[in-house]
PDB file of N, CA and C in Angstrom:
ATOM      1  N   MET A   1       0.826  -1.177   0.000  1.00  0.00           N
ATOM      2  CA  MET A   1       0.000   0.000   0.000  1.00  0.00           C
ATOM      3  C   MET A   1       0.878   1.252   0.000  1.00  0.00           C
ATOM      4  N   ALA A   2       0.314   2.318  -0.462  1.00  0.00           N
ATOM      5  CA  ALA A   2       1.032   3.581  -0.547  1.00  0.00           C
ATOM      6  C   ALA A   2       0.975   4.314   0.790  1.00  0.00           C
ATOM      7  N   GLU A   3       1.981   5.126   0.988  1.00  0.00           N
ATOM      8  CA  GLU A   3       1.975   5.956   2.193  1.00  0.00           C
ATOM      9  C   GLU A   3       1.035   7.130   2.000  1.00  0.00           C
ATOM     10  N   ILE A   4       0.282   7.432   3.010  1.00  0.00           N
ATOM     11  CA  ILE A   4      -0.627   8.571   2.953  1.00  0.00           C
ATOM     12  C   ILE A   4       0.049   9.751   3.621  1.00  0.00           C
ATOM     13  N   ILE A   5       0.187  10.842   2.862  1.00  0.00           N
ATOM     14  CA  ILE A   5       0.848  12.041   3.368  1.00  0.00           C
ATOM     15  C   ILE A   5      -0.230  13.051   3.756  1.00  0.00           C
ATOM     16  N   PRO A   6      -0.240  13.485   4.995  1.00  0.00           N
ATOM     17  CA  PRO A   6      -1.250  14.483   5.380  1.00  0.00           C
ATOM     18  C   PRO A   6      -0.873  15.860   4.839  1.00  0.00           C
ATOM     19  N   PHE A   7      -1.803  16.500   4.132  1.00  0.00           N
ATOM     20  CA  PHE A   7      -1.577  17.835   3.607  1.00  0.00           C
ATOM     21  C   PHE A   7      -2.180  18.847   4.560  1.00  0.00           C
ATOM     22  N   ARG A   8      -1.422  19.889   4.846  1.00  0.00           N
ATOM     23  CA  ARG A   8      -1.902  20.929   5.743  1.00  0.00           C
ATOM     24  C   ARG A   8      -1.865  22.257   5.012  1.00  0.00           C
ATOM     25  N   ARG A   9      -2.838  23.072   5.274  1.00  0.00           N
ATOM     26  CA  ARG A   9      -2.814  24.417   4.739  1.00  0.00           C
ATOM     27  C   ARG A   9      -1.758  25.221   5.478  1.00  0.00           C
ATOM     28  N   PRO A  10      -1.025  26.073   4.764  1.00  0.00           N
ATOM     29  CA  PRO A  10      -0.080  26.924   5.491  1.00  0.00           C
ATOM     30  C   PRO A  10      -0.848  27.933   6.331  1.00  0.00           C
ATOM     31  N   SER A  11      -0.330  28.233   7.496  1.00  0.00           N
ATOM     32  CA  SER A  11      -0.998  29.212   8.345  1.00  0.00           C
ATOM     33  C   SER A  11      -0.896  30.591   7.696  1.00  0.00           C
ATOM     34  N   LEU A  12      -1.747  31.510   8.121  1.00  0.00           N
ATOM     35  CA  LEU A  12      -1.724  32.849   7.549  1.00  0.00           C
ATOM     36  C   LEU A  12      -0.384  33.531   7.798  1.00  0.00           C
ATOM     37  N   LYS A  13       0.234  33.222   8.922  1.00  0.00           N
ATOM     38  CA  LYS A  13       1.541  33.794   9.228  1.00  0.00           C
ATOM     39  C   LYS A  13       2.592  33.331   8.217  1.00  0.00           C
ATOM     40  N   GLN A  14       2.567  32.058   7.862  1.00  0.00           N
ATOM     41  CA  GLN A  14       3.522  31.538   6.889  1.00  0.00           C
ATOM     42  C   GLN A  14       3.184  31.988   5.474  1.00  0.00           C
ATOM     43  N   LYS A  15       1.903  32.113   5.173  1.00  0.00           N
ATOM     44  CA  LYS A  15       1.470  32.465   3.827  1.00  0.00           C
ATOM     45  C   LYS A  15       1.870  33.886   3.451  1.00  0.00           C
ATOM     46  N   HIS A  16       1.749  34.817   4.376  1.00  0.00           N
ATOM     47  CA  HIS A  16       2.018  36.224   4.095  1.00  0.00           C
ATOM     48  C   HIS A  16       3.344  36.698   4.666  1.00  0.00           C
ATOM     49  N   ARG A  17       4.265  35.803   4.921  1.00  0.00           N
ATOM     50  CA  ARG A  17       5.538  36.149   5.529  1.00  0.00           C
ATOM     51  C   ARG A  17       6.350  37.050   4.603  1.00  0.00           C
ATOM     52  N   GLY A  18       6.707  38.241   5.080  1.00  0.00           N
ATOM     53  CA  GLY A  18       7.542  39.166   4.334  1.00  0.00           C
ATOM     54  C   GLY A  18       6.798  40.060   3.364  1.00  0.00           C
ATOM     55  N   LYS A  19       5.520  39.835   3.130  1.00  0.00           N
ATOM     56  CA  LYS A  19       4.785  40.628   2.153  1.00  0.00           C
ATOM     57  C   LYS A  19       4.183  41.887   2.763  1.00  0.00           C
ATOM     58  N   THR A  20       3.864  41.854   4.048  1.00  0.00           N
ATOM     59  CA  THR A  20       3.181  42.990   4.647  1.00  0.00           C
ATOM     60  C   THR A  20       4.096  44.202   4.757  1.00  0.00           C
ATOM     61  N   LEU A  21       5.372  43.983   4.977  1.00  0.00           N
ATOM     62  CA  LEU A  21       6.295  45.119   5.043  1.00  0.00           C
ATOM     63  C   LEU A  21       6.402  45.818   3.696  1.00  0.00           C
ATOM     64  N   CYS A  22       6.464  45.053   2.630  1.00  0.00           N
ATOM     65  CA  CYS A  22       6.591  45.634   1.295  1.00  0.00           C
ATOM     66  C   CYS A  22       5.322  46.372   0.878  1.00  0.00           C
ATOM     67  N   LYS A  23       4.179  45.921   1.332  1.00  0.00           N
ATOM     68  CA  LYS A  23       2.928  46.609   1.015  1.00  0.00           C
ATOM     69  C   LYS A  23       2.910  48.021   1.581  1.00  0.00           C
ATOM     70  N   HIS A  24       3.573  48.212   2.709  1.00  0.00           N
ATOM     71  CA  HIS A  24       3.600  49.515   3.364  1.00  0.00           C
ATOM     72  C   HIS A  24       4.844  50.321   3.022  1.00  0.00           C
ATOM     73  N   GLY A  25       5.602  49.876   2.004  1.00  0.00           N
ATOM     74  CA  GLY A  25       6.740  50.647   1.518  1.00  0.00           C
ATOM     75  C   GLY A  25       8.056  50.384   2.217  1.00  0.00           C
ATOM     76  N   HIS A  26       8.142  49.344   3.018  1.00  0.00           N
ATOM     77  CA  HIS A  26       9.385  49.026   3.718  1.00  0.00           C
ATOM     78  C   HIS A  26      10.072  47.862   3.015  1.00  0.00           C
ATOM     79  N   HIS A  27      10.657  48.160   1.854  1.00  0.00           N
ATOM     80  CA  HIS A  27      11.327  47.124   1.067  1.00  0.00           C
ATOM     81  C   HIS A  27      12.722  46.866   1.621  1.00  0.00           C
ATOM     82  N   LYS A  28      13.270  45.734   1.273  1.00  0.00           N
ATOM     83  CA  LYS A  28      14.631  45.361   1.664  1.00  0.00           C
ATOM     84  C   LYS A  28      15.479  45.408   0.390  1.00  0.00           C
ATOM     85  N   TRP A  29      15.982  46.612   0.044  1.00  0.00           N
ATOM     86  CA  TRP A  29      16.671  46.827  -1.223  1.00  0.00           C
ATOM     87  C   TRP A  29      18.074  46.240  -1.188  1.00  0.00           C
ATOM     88  N   GLN A  30      18.441  45.547  -2.267  1.00  0.00           N
ATOM     89  CA  GLN A  30      19.789  45.025  -2.482  1.00  0.00           C
ATOM     90  C   GLN A  30      20.198  45.366  -3.900  1.00  0.00           C
ATOM     91  N   VAL A  31      21.484  45.656  -4.091  1.00  0.00           N
ATOM     92  CA  VAL A  31      21.988  46.034  -5.410  1.00  0.00           C
ATOM     93  C   VAL A  31      22.049  44.797  -6.296  1.00  0.00           C
ATOM     94  N   ASP A  32      21.484  44.910  -7.509  1.00  0.00           N
ATOM     95  CA  ASP A  32      21.522  43.833  -8.500  1.00  0.00           C
ATOM     96  C   ASP A  32      22.627  44.170  -9.492  1.00  0.00           C
ATOM     97  N   LYS A  33      23.709  43.425  -9.467  1.00  0.00           N
ATOM     98  CA  LYS A  33      24.886  43.749 -10.280  1.00  0.00           C
ATOM     99  C   LYS A  33      24.835  43.165 -11.684  1.00  0.00           C
ATOM    100  N   ALA A  34      23.753  42.500 -12.038  1.00  0.00           N
ATOM    101  CA  ALA A  34      23.666  41.894 -13.363  1.00  0.00           C
ATOM    102  C   ALA A  34      23.525  42.945 -14.460  1.00  0.00           C
ATOM    103  N   LYS A  35      22.810  44.030 -14.197  1.00  0.00           N
ATOM    104  CA  LYS A  35      22.594  45.061 -15.208  1.00  0.00           C
ATOM    105  C   LYS A  35      23.067  46.399 -14.647  1.00  0.00           C
ATOM    106  N   GLN A  36      24.181  46.927 -15.165  1.00  0.00           N
ATOM    107  CA  GLN A  36      24.736  48.170 -14.646  1.00  0.00           C
ATOM    108  C   GLN A  36      24.751  49.281 -15.682  1.00  0.00           C
ATOM    109  N   PHE A  37      24.445  48.966 -16.949  1.00  0.00           N
ATOM    110  CA  PHE A  37      24.514  49.970 -18.002  1.00  0.00           C
ATOM    111  C   PHE A  37      23.214  49.958 -18.784  1.00  0.00           C
ATOM    112  N   ASP A  38      22.595  51.125 -18.930  1.00  0.00           N
ATOM    113  CA  ASP A  38      21.347  51.235 -19.684  1.00  0.00           C
ATOM    114  C   ASP A  38      21.680  51.645 -21.113  1.00  0.00           C
ATOM    115  N   VAL A  39      21.293  50.837 -22.064  1.00  0.00           N
ATOM    116  CA  VAL A  39      21.641  51.073 -23.464  1.00  0.00           C
ATOM    117  C   VAL A  39      20.864  52.264 -24.026  1.00  0.00           C
ATOM    118  N   LYS A  40      19.602  52.401 -23.666  1.00  0.00           N
ATOM    119  CA  LYS A  40      18.786  53.477 -24.221  1.00  0.00           C
ATOM    120  C   LYS A  40      19.239  54.849 -23.733  1.00  0.00           C
ATOM    121  N   LEU A  41      19.556  54.961 -22.454  1.00  0.00           N
ATOM    122  CA  LEU A  41      20.021  56.238 -21.916  1.00  0.00           C
ATOM    123  C   LEU A  41      21.506  56.466 -22.154  1.00  0.00           C
ATOM    124  N   GLY A  42      22.258  55.396 -22.276  1.00  0.00           N
ATOM    125  CA  GLY A  42      23.696  55.506 -22.450  1.00  0.00           C
ATOM    126  C   GLY A  42      24.393  55.928 -21.174  1.00  0.00           C
ATOM    127  N   LYS A  43      23.843  55.536 -20.023  1.00  0.00           N
ATOM    128  CA  LYS A  43      24.382  55.930 -18.729  1.00  0.00           C
ATOM    129  C   LYS A  43      24.580  54.707 -17.846  1.00  0.00           C
ATOM    130  N   LEU A  44      25.411  54.885 -16.839  1.00  0.00           N
ATOM    131  CA  LEU A  44      25.525  53.871 -15.806  1.00  0.00           C
ATOM    132  C   LEU A  44      24.314  53.982 -14.891  1.00  0.00           C
ATOM    133  N   VAL A  45      23.736  52.869 -14.538  1.00  0.00           N
ATOM    134  CA  VAL A  45      22.583  52.857 -13.646  1.00  0.00           C
ATOM    135  C   VAL A  45      22.827  51.847 -12.527  1.00  0.00           C
ATOM    136  N   THR A  46      22.150  52.059 -11.412  1.00  0.00           N
ATOM    137  CA  THR A  46      22.168  51.108 -10.310  1.00  0.00           C
ATOM    138  C   THR A  46      20.775  50.524 -10.191  1.00  0.00           C
ATOM    139  N   VAL A  47      20.689  49.216 -10.287  1.00  0.00           N
ATOM    140  CA  VAL A  47      19.413  48.529 -10.192  1.00  0.00           C
ATOM    141  C   VAL A  47      19.307  47.929  -8.800  1.00  0.00           C
ATOM    142  N   TYR A  48      18.259  48.309  -8.077  1.00  0.00           N
ATOM    143  CA  TYR A  48      17.989  47.755  -6.756  1.00  0.00           C
ATOM    144  C   TYR A  48      16.831  46.789  -6.876  1.00  0.00           C
ATOM    145  N   ARG A  49      16.942  45.634  -6.209  1.00  0.00           N
ATOM    146  CA  ARG A  49      15.900  44.616  -6.230  1.00  0.00           C
ATOM    147  C   ARG A  49      15.542  44.278  -4.782  1.00  0.00           C
ATOM    148  N   CYS A  50      14.244  44.231  -4.495  1.00  0.00           N
ATOM    149  CA  CYS A  50      13.777  43.897  -3.154  1.00  0.00           C
ATOM    150  C   CYS A  50      13.999  42.401  -2.915  1.00  0.00           C
ATOM    151  N   ALA A  51      14.573  42.073  -1.778  1.00  0.00           N
ATOM    152  CA  ALA A  51      14.862  40.676  -1.464  1.00  0.00           C
ATOM    153  C   ALA A  51      13.594  39.889  -1.140  1.00  0.00           C
ATOM    154  N   ARG A  52      12.528  40.578  -0.728  1.00  0.00           N
ATOM    155  CA  ARG A  52      11.303  39.886  -0.352  1.00  0.00           C
ATOM    156  C   ARG A  52      10.341  39.704  -1.520  1.00  0.00           C
ATOM    157  N   CYS A  53      10.090  40.786  -2.293  1.00  0.00           N
ATOM    158  CA  CYS A  53       9.017  40.730  -3.292  1.00  0.00           C
ATOM    159  C   CYS A  53       9.514  40.899  -4.733  1.00  0.00           C
ATOM    160  N   ASP A  54      10.814  41.039  -4.967  1.00  0.00           N
ATOM    161  CA  ASP A  54      11.435  41.152  -6.293  1.00  0.00           C
ATOM    162  C   ASP A  54      10.992  42.376  -7.090  1.00  0.00           C
ATOM    163  N   THR A  55      10.604  43.444  -6.419  1.00  0.00           N
ATOM    164  CA  THR A  55      10.327  44.706  -7.084  1.00  0.00           C
ATOM    165  C   THR A  55      11.663  45.370  -7.421  1.00  0.00           C
ATOM    166  N   THR A  56      11.746  46.055  -8.556  1.00  0.00           N
ATOM    167  CA  THR A  56      12.992  46.697  -8.932  1.00  0.00           C
ATOM    168  C   THR A  56      12.859  48.219  -8.874  1.00  0.00           C
ATOM    169  N   ARG A  57      13.989  48.863  -8.594  1.00  0.00           N
ATOM    170  CA  ARG A  57      14.083  50.322  -8.587  1.00  0.00           C
ATOM    171  C   ARG A  57      15.386  50.693  -9.267  1.00  0.00           C
ATOM    172  N   VAL A  58      15.367  51.691 -10.144  1.00  0.00           N
ATOM    173  CA  VAL A  58      16.536  52.064 -10.924  1.00  0.00           C
ATOM    174  C   VAL A  58      16.897  53.502 -10.625  1.00  0.00           C
ATOM    175  N   THR A  59      18.184  53.744 -10.370  1.00  0.00           N
ATOM    176  CA  THR A  59      18.684  55.105 -10.229  1.00  0.00           C
ATOM    177  C   THR A  59      19.831  55.301 -11.204  1.00  0.00           C
ATOM    178  N   SER A  60      19.909  56.477 -11.817  1.00  0.00           N
ATOM    179  CA  SER A  60      20.998  56.749 -12.758  1.00  0.00           C
ATOM    180  C   SER A  60      22.023  57.648 -12.084  1.00  0.00           C
ATOM    181  N   HIS A  61      23.225  57.613 -12.595  1.00  0.00           N
ATOM    182  CA  HIS A  61      24.318  58.399 -12.012  1.00  0.00           C
ATOM    183  C   HIS A  61      24.591  59.637 -12.826  1.00  0.00           C
TER     184      HIS A  61
END
């Protein structure tokens, strides 16, 4: 016979972990070094990516 695996719903705390801070504008910005040059503008740019929700923010120099 097969093993029966009990499935549990994730609790609300686990389901929304890390999302509530980003909803209120408290992102955890980290520098993304993969893209440092913008071809259209022809400038160096810094791309920031949120570690929790993967939102990006770009600043030019």
